[in-house]
């Protein structure tokens, strides 16, 4: 049946009047449902708290490319380095909760909650977890000439030479730092922390023997290990990693030890549940794609698909874990 102009206008007015007659809660649900069906209708920005080129930035670009292709609008990676990723987080916290400003979330978010005293936000309260992407191990590495070539030998050497070993990291409160402090606490060894401006800056001194041990991201050192320039004593995940299958897990010698780098996507608190669900479904679909899984493997990562509540539980558990380490070790931000 075709409607003439007068009938069409009357129909529109009746529909509009019916929507207006709905109670406020129902109108909100209707608006959110309509918005999610149309989402996205313009470019989306993914804020990254680090400079381009590192694993966090690469993780963001991998998922941005997938989402751009799947959802038909550009997902733009926006690097906002500074404050250990806090500047990017603050910008997302202040953004409109409409799904057009997202955050690349990493392990630093759980660390920063206790590392910084005067944050203008509470990460768990102010960022809505959307989806995890992948996790990757850190690796306990030493130089080839270091006298200890296994974890038990290292612990024995460190206890025989207290305070004489230098432990490098990418900076105070970095994942490598807190992972090393957790090892010190659980293994009962005394080492001196030497912070650098990033893991890349520390590697030459580790290779030269100026510092003795480091707990960097696997992607930063896996080629050095494979080519024999560094010795991997252990991976920090609870089980062995498929990327270094012959390297034991640290938990095999220090029961209960676990640390890893992990990445996911967050949004401002209050972002519509339908939008969060749509993004979660698309990201989990990406993690099932063989090509993307291969790209994640290049970062020594294992895909990690979760629901938003599961991601929230991960963030809460990691925040509690690192709070204990930071308080015990007296770690302060630079």
Protein backbone atom coordinates (compact mmCIF):
# COMPACT_ATOMS: atom_id res chain seq x y z
CA UNK A 1 0.00 0.00 0.00
CA UNK A 2 1.36 3.43 -0.97
CA UNK A 3 0.82 6.40 1.33
CA UNK A 4 0.19 9.90 0.03
CA UNK A 5 2.06 12.78 1.69
CA UNK A 6 -0.76 13.57 4.16
CA UNK A 7 -1.03 9.93 5.28
CA UNK A 8 2.74 9.65 5.62
CA UNK A 9 2.93 12.75 7.86
CA UNK A 10 0.10 11.42 10.04
CA UNK A 11 1.88 8.07 10.42
CA UNK A 12 5.12 9.76 11.48
CA UNK A 13 3.26 11.90 14.03
CA UNK A 14 1.53 8.84 15.49
CA UNK A 15 4.84 6.99 15.82
CA UNK A 16 6.48 10.00 17.43
CA UNK A 17 3.58 10.41 19.80
CA UNK A 18 3.74 6.75 20.76
CA UNK A 19 7.46 7.03 21.58
CA UNK A 20 6.84 10.16 23.64
CA UNK A 21 4.17 8.33 25.61
CA UNK A 22 6.66 5.70 26.75
CA UNK A 23 7.98 6.01 30.32
CA UNK A 24 11.51 7.59 30.61
CA UNK A 25 13.24 4.25 31.19
CA UNK A 26 11.67 2.70 28.11
CA UNK A 27 12.56 5.76 26.01
CA UNK A 28 16.20 5.41 27.18
CA UNK A 29 16.30 1.72 26.20
CA UNK A 30 14.72 2.57 22.82
CA UNK A 31 17.30 5.33 22.22
CA UNK A 32 20.21 3.08 23.21
CA UNK A 33 18.94 0.26 21.01
CA UNK A 34 18.55 2.59 18.04
CA UNK A 35 22.03 4.06 18.66
CA UNK A 36 23.64 0.62 18.90
CA UNK A 37 22.01 -0.54 15.66
CA UNK A 38 23.46 2.49 13.89
CA UNK A 39 26.84 2.25 15.64
CA UNK A 40 29.24 3.28 14.37
CA UNK A 41 28.05 6.09 12.14
CA UNK A 42 31.33 8.03 12.17
CA UNK A 43 35.02 7.34 12.88
CA UNK A 44 35.96 5.86 16.27
CA UNK A 45 39.17 6.77 18.11
CA UNK A 46 41.19 4.23 20.12
CA UNK A 47 43.50 6.10 22.50
CA UNK A 48 46.86 4.50 23.28
CA UNK A 49 48.91 5.75 26.22
CA UNK A 50 52.26 5.05 24.56
CA UNK A 51 54.19 6.16 21.50
CA UNK A 52 53.80 4.39 18.17
CA UNK A 53 55.76 1.23 17.50
CA UNK A 54 55.59 -0.62 20.82
CA UNK A 55 53.50 -3.72 21.60
CA UNK A 56 50.61 -1.67 23.03
CA UNK A 57 50.43 0.44 19.88
CA UNK A 58 50.68 -2.60 17.63
CA UNK A 59 47.88 -4.32 19.56
CA UNK A 60 45.66 -1.29 19.01
CA UNK A 61 46.41 -1.16 15.29
CA UNK A 62 45.64 -4.85 14.84
CA UNK A 63 42.17 -4.56 16.33
CA UNK A 64 41.54 -1.15 14.73
CA UNK A 65 42.12 -2.61 11.26
CA UNK A 66 39.77 -5.51 11.94
CA UNK A 67 36.99 -3.30 13.36
CA UNK A 68 37.33 -0.83 10.48
CA UNK A 69 36.82 -3.61 7.94
CA UNK A 70 33.98 -5.27 9.84
CA UNK A 71 31.98 -2.21 10.89
CA UNK A 72 32.47 0.01 7.86
CA UNK A 73 33.88 3.08 9.63
CA UNK A 74 37.49 3.93 10.39
CA UNK A 75 38.80 3.02 13.84
CA UNK A 76 41.66 5.49 14.31
CA UNK A 77 44.59 4.84 16.66
CA UNK A 78 45.36 8.02 18.60
CA UNK A 79 48.68 7.90 20.50
CA UNK A 80 48.63 9.96 23.72
CA UNK A 81 51.87 9.05 25.53
CA UNK A 82 52.58 10.36 29.00
CA UNK A 83 52.10 9.60 32.67
CA UNK A 84 52.55 5.87 32.24
CA UNK A 85 49.39 5.78 30.06
CA UNK A 86 47.41 7.92 32.54
CA UNK A 87 46.98 10.83 30.10
CA UNK A 88 45.19 8.63 27.60
CA UNK A 89 43.07 7.05 30.32
CA UNK A 90 42.01 10.45 31.68
CA UNK A 91 41.00 11.59 28.20
CA UNK A 92 38.78 8.54 27.77
CA UNK A 93 37.28 8.94 31.24
CA UNK A 94 36.24 12.49 30.28
CA UNK A 95 34.93 11.51 26.83
CA UNK A 96 31.25 11.11 26.00
CA UNK A 97 30.09 7.53 26.72
CA UNK A 98 28.89 7.01 23.16
CA UNK A 99 31.37 4.41 21.90
CA UNK A 100 33.36 6.83 19.75
CA UNK A 101 36.31 7.15 22.15
CA UNK A 102 37.87 3.87 23.31
CA UNK A 103 40.99 2.99 25.30
CA UNK A 104 43.64 0.39 24.62
CA UNK A 105 43.93 -1.12 28.11
CA UNK A 106 47.09 -2.85 29.29
CA UNK A 107 48.59 -4.24 32.47
CA UNK A 108 49.81 -0.75 33.36
CA UNK A 109 46.22 0.21 34.19
CA UNK A 110 46.19 -2.27 37.08
CA UNK A 111 49.65 -1.16 38.21
CA UNK A 112 48.96 2.58 38.03
CA UNK A 113 45.98 2.34 40.38
CA UNK A 114 48.43 1.93 43.29
CA UNK A 115 51.56 3.45 41.78
CA UNK A 116 50.17 7.00 41.51
CA UNK A 117 48.80 8.79 44.56
CA UNK A 118 46.69 11.55 43.03
CA UNK A 119 44.97 10.20 39.93
CA UNK A 120 41.91 12.14 38.85
CA UNK A 121 40.07 8.89 38.09
CA UNK A 122 39.45 5.44 39.49
CA UNK A 123 40.09 2.99 36.68
CA UNK A 124 37.76 0.26 37.92
CA UNK A 125 34.96 2.77 38.53
CA UNK A 126 35.40 5.03 35.49
CA UNK A 127 36.35 2.68 32.61
CA UNK A 128 33.90 0.10 31.28
CA UNK A 129 35.65 -3.14 30.25
CA UNK A 130 34.74 -4.09 26.68
CA UNK A 131 36.91 -7.06 25.67
CA UNK A 132 40.31 -8.60 26.19
CA UNK A 133 42.54 -9.27 23.20
CA UNK A 134 45.58 -11.31 24.14
CA UNK A 135 48.12 -12.03 26.85
CA UNK A 136 51.82 -12.66 26.54
CA UNK A 137 54.51 -13.71 28.99
CA UNK A 138 57.34 -11.71 30.36
CA UNK A 139 60.68 -13.52 30.28
CA UNK A 140 63.33 -13.71 32.99
CA UNK A 141 66.55 -13.26 30.98
CA UNK A 142 70.26 -13.02 31.78
CA UNK A 143 73.36 -12.51 29.67
CA UNK A 144 75.06 -15.54 28.15
CA UNK A 145 78.11 -15.06 30.35
CA UNK A 146 76.18 -14.89 33.62
CA UNK A 147 77.29 -17.79 35.87
CA UNK A 148 73.74 -18.97 36.65
CA UNK A 149 71.89 -20.51 33.70
CA UNK A 150 68.81 -21.90 35.50
CA UNK A 151 66.35 -20.41 37.98
CA UNK A 152 67.59 -22.51 40.93
CA UNK A 153 71.19 -21.54 40.12
CA UNK A 154 70.15 -17.89 39.87
CA UNK A 155 68.38 -17.93 43.24
CA UNK A 156 71.38 -19.62 44.87
CA UNK A 157 73.79 -17.10 43.32
CA UNK A 158 71.62 -14.12 44.34
CA UNK A 159 71.41 -15.38 47.93
CA UNK A 160 75.18 -15.89 48.03
CA UNK A 161 75.74 -12.33 46.68
CA UNK A 162 72.97 -10.20 48.26
CA UNK A 163 72.63 -6.70 46.84
CA UNK A 164 75.24 -7.29 44.13
CA UNK A 165 72.95 -8.04 41.19
CA UNK A 166 71.38 -5.31 39.07
CA UNK A 167 67.84 -5.85 37.80
CA UNK A 168 66.95 -3.69 34.81
CA UNK A 169 63.48 -2.54 33.83
CA UNK A 170 61.74 -0.13 31.50
CA UNK A 171 61.09 2.28 34.38
CA UNK A 172 59.68 2.51 37.89
CA UNK A 173 56.34 0.74 38.04
CA UNK A 174 56.66 -0.82 34.59
CA UNK A 175 55.43 -4.40 34.17
CA UNK A 176 59.04 -5.62 34.07
CA UNK A 177 59.77 -3.80 37.33
CA UNK A 178 56.82 -5.12 39.32
CA UNK A 179 57.36 -8.62 37.91
CA UNK A 180 60.95 -8.46 39.14
CA UNK A 181 59.89 -7.17 42.55
CA UNK A 182 57.37 -10.00 42.83
CA UNK A 183 60.19 -12.46 42.09
CA UNK A 184 62.40 -10.84 44.75
CA UNK A 185 59.62 -11.15 47.33
CA UNK A 186 58.66 -14.74 46.53
CA UNK A 187 62.20 -16.08 46.01
CA UNK A 188 63.67 -14.18 48.98
CA UNK A 189 66.50 -12.52 47.06
CA UNK A 190 67.98 -9.02 47.22
CA UNK A 191 68.70 -7.22 43.94
CA UNK A 192 69.17 -3.56 43.00
CA UNK A 193 66.60 -2.14 40.62
CA UNK A 194 68.00 -0.07 37.73
CA UNK A 195 65.23 1.75 35.82
CA UNK A 196 65.67 2.79 32.17
CA UNK A 197 63.50 4.84 29.87
CA UNK A 198 61.93 1.86 28.21
CA UNK A 199 62.98 -1.75 27.78
CA UNK A 200 64.75 -1.03 24.49
CA UNK A 201 67.13 1.32 26.31
CA UNK A 202 67.99 -1.38 28.86
CA UNK A 203 68.76 -4.18 26.42
CA UNK A 204 72.25 -3.00 25.35
CA UNK A 205 73.41 -2.95 28.98
CA UNK A 206 71.89 -6.38 29.59
CA UNK A 207 73.64 -7.77 26.51
CA UNK A 208 76.91 -6.19 27.66
CA UNK A 209 76.60 -7.51 31.21
CA UNK A 210 76.27 -4.09 32.85
CA UNK A 211 73.01 -5.32 34.38
CA UNK A 212 72.46 -8.97 35.14
CA UNK A 213 68.76 -9.76 34.86
CA UNK A 214 65.56 -8.37 33.38
CA UNK A 215 61.89 -9.36 33.07
CA UNK A 216 60.90 -7.82 29.71
CA UNK A 217 57.99 -8.61 27.41
CA UNK A 218 58.64 -11.77 25.40
CA UNK A 219 58.27 -9.91 22.11
CA UNK A 220 61.19 -7.63 23.06
CA UNK A 221 63.73 -10.43 23.60
CA UNK A 222 62.52 -13.59 21.88
CA UNK A 223 64.89 -13.14 18.92
CA UNK A 224 67.85 -12.43 21.24
CA UNK A 225 67.02 -15.70 23.03
CA UNK A 226 66.62 -17.71 19.83
CA UNK A 227 69.92 -16.39 18.48
CA UNK A 228 71.77 -17.17 21.71
CA UNK A 229 72.58 -13.62 22.80
CA UNK A 230 70.51 -13.92 25.98
CA UNK A 231 69.54 -16.88 28.16
CA UNK A 232 65.87 -17.23 29.05
CA UNK A 233 65.68 -18.72 32.53
CA UNK A 234 61.88 -18.78 32.70
CA UNK A 235 58.64 -17.34 31.39
CA UNK A 236 56.46 -15.60 33.94
CA UNK A 237 53.08 -17.08 32.98
CA UNK A 238 51.64 -19.92 35.06
CA UNK A 239 52.42 -22.45 32.32
CA UNK A 240 55.07 -22.70 29.63
CA UNK A 241 54.68 -20.57 26.53
CA UNK A 242 54.31 -22.08 23.03
CA UNK A 243 56.69 -19.39 21.76
CA UNK A 244 59.52 -20.62 23.99
CA UNK A 245 58.43 -24.22 24.61
CA UNK A 246 61.74 -25.35 26.07
CA UNK A 247 61.83 -22.54 28.63
CA UNK A 248 60.28 -23.47 32.00
CA UNK A 249 57.63 -21.44 33.76
CA UNK A 250 58.95 -19.57 36.78
CA UNK A 251 56.16 -21.16 38.83
CA UNK A 252 57.92 -24.51 38.41
CA UNK A 253 60.58 -23.22 40.82
CA UNK A 254 58.71 -20.46 42.67
CA UNK A 255 55.23 -21.93 43.30
CA UNK A 256 52.39 -19.50 42.76
CA UNK A 257 54.42 -17.00 40.75
CA UNK A 258 52.53 -15.48 37.82
CA UNK A 259 52.81 -12.26 35.80
CA UNK A 260 51.97 -11.37 32.23
CA UNK A 261 51.36 -8.56 29.81
CA UNK A 262 47.75 -8.35 28.63
CA UNK A 263 45.76 -6.07 26.37
CA UNK A 264 42.12 -5.20 25.86
CA UNK A 265 39.66 -2.44 25.00
CA UNK A 266 37.82 -0.17 27.44
CA UNK A 267 35.26 2.61 27.09
CA UNK A 268 33.99 5.46 29.27
CA UNK A 269 31.70 4.42 32.10
CA UNK A 270 28.07 4.65 31.01
CA UNK A 271 28.67 3.51 27.43
CA UNK A 272 25.54 1.70 26.23
CA UNK A 273 25.44 -2.00 27.00
CA UNK A 274 24.41 -2.75 23.39
CA UNK A 275 27.46 -0.90 22.05
CA UNK A 276 29.76 -2.71 24.49
CA UNK A 277 28.19 -6.04 23.50
CA UNK A 278 28.60 -5.27 19.79
CA UNK A 279 32.27 -4.40 20.20
CA UNK A 280 32.87 -7.44 22.41
CA UNK A 281 31.33 -9.75 19.82
CA UNK A 282 33.41 -8.26 17.00
CA UNK A 283 36.67 -8.43 18.98
CA UNK A 284 36.01 -12.03 19.98
CA UNK A 285 35.31 -12.81 16.32
CA UNK A 286 38.67 -11.25 15.46
CA UNK A 287 40.42 -13.50 17.97
CA UNK A 288 38.99 -16.54 16.17
CA UNK A 289 40.37 -15.40 12.80
CA UNK A 290 43.47 -17.35 11.74
CA UNK A 291 45.18 -14.35 10.14
CA UNK A 292 44.80 -12.17 13.22
CA UNK A 293 45.92 -15.01 15.46
CA UNK A 294 49.10 -15.23 13.39
CA UNK A 295 49.70 -11.52 13.89
CA UNK A 296 49.17 -11.91 17.63
CA UNK A 297 51.64 -14.78 17.61
CA UNK A 298 54.23 -12.40 16.15
CA UNK A 299 53.93 -10.51 19.47
CA UNK A 300 54.38 -13.78 21.40
CA UNK A 301 50.74 -13.42 22.37
CA UNK A 302 47.95 -15.90 23.01
CA UNK A 303 44.40 -14.78 22.12
CA UNK A 304 42.26 -14.16 25.18
CA UNK A 305 38.53 -13.91 24.51
CA UNK A 306 36.32 -12.86 27.42
CA UNK A 307 33.00 -11.24 28.22
CA UNK A 308 32.95 -7.72 29.73
CA UNK A 309 32.33 -9.12 33.27
CA UNK A 310 35.24 -11.52 32.87
CA UNK A 311 37.48 -8.68 31.75
CA UNK A 312 36.33 -6.65 34.77
CA UNK A 313 37.29 -9.55 37.05
CA UNK A 314 40.75 -9.75 35.44
CA UNK A 315 41.36 -6.02 35.98
CA UNK A 316 40.23 -6.23 39.61
CA UNK A 317 42.43 -9.26 40.35
CA UNK A 318 45.48 -7.70 38.69
CA UNK A 319 44.93 -4.40 40.51
CA UNK A 320 44.87 -6.23 43.85
CA UNK A 321 47.93 -8.32 42.97
CA UNK A 322 50.13 -5.39 42.02
CA UNK A 323 48.91 -3.18 44.87
CA UNK A 324 50.44 -5.67 47.31
CA UNK A 325 53.76 -5.68 45.45
CA UNK A 326 53.91 -1.90 45.12
CA UNK A 327 53.18 -1.35 48.81
CA UNK A 328 55.62 -4.03 49.94
CA UNK A 329 58.46 -2.82 47.71
CA UNK A 330 57.74 0.88 48.30
CA UNK A 331 57.62 1.58 44.56
CA UNK A 332 57.03 5.21 43.57
CA UNK A 333 56.29 6.68 40.17
CA UNK A 334 59.09 8.58 38.43
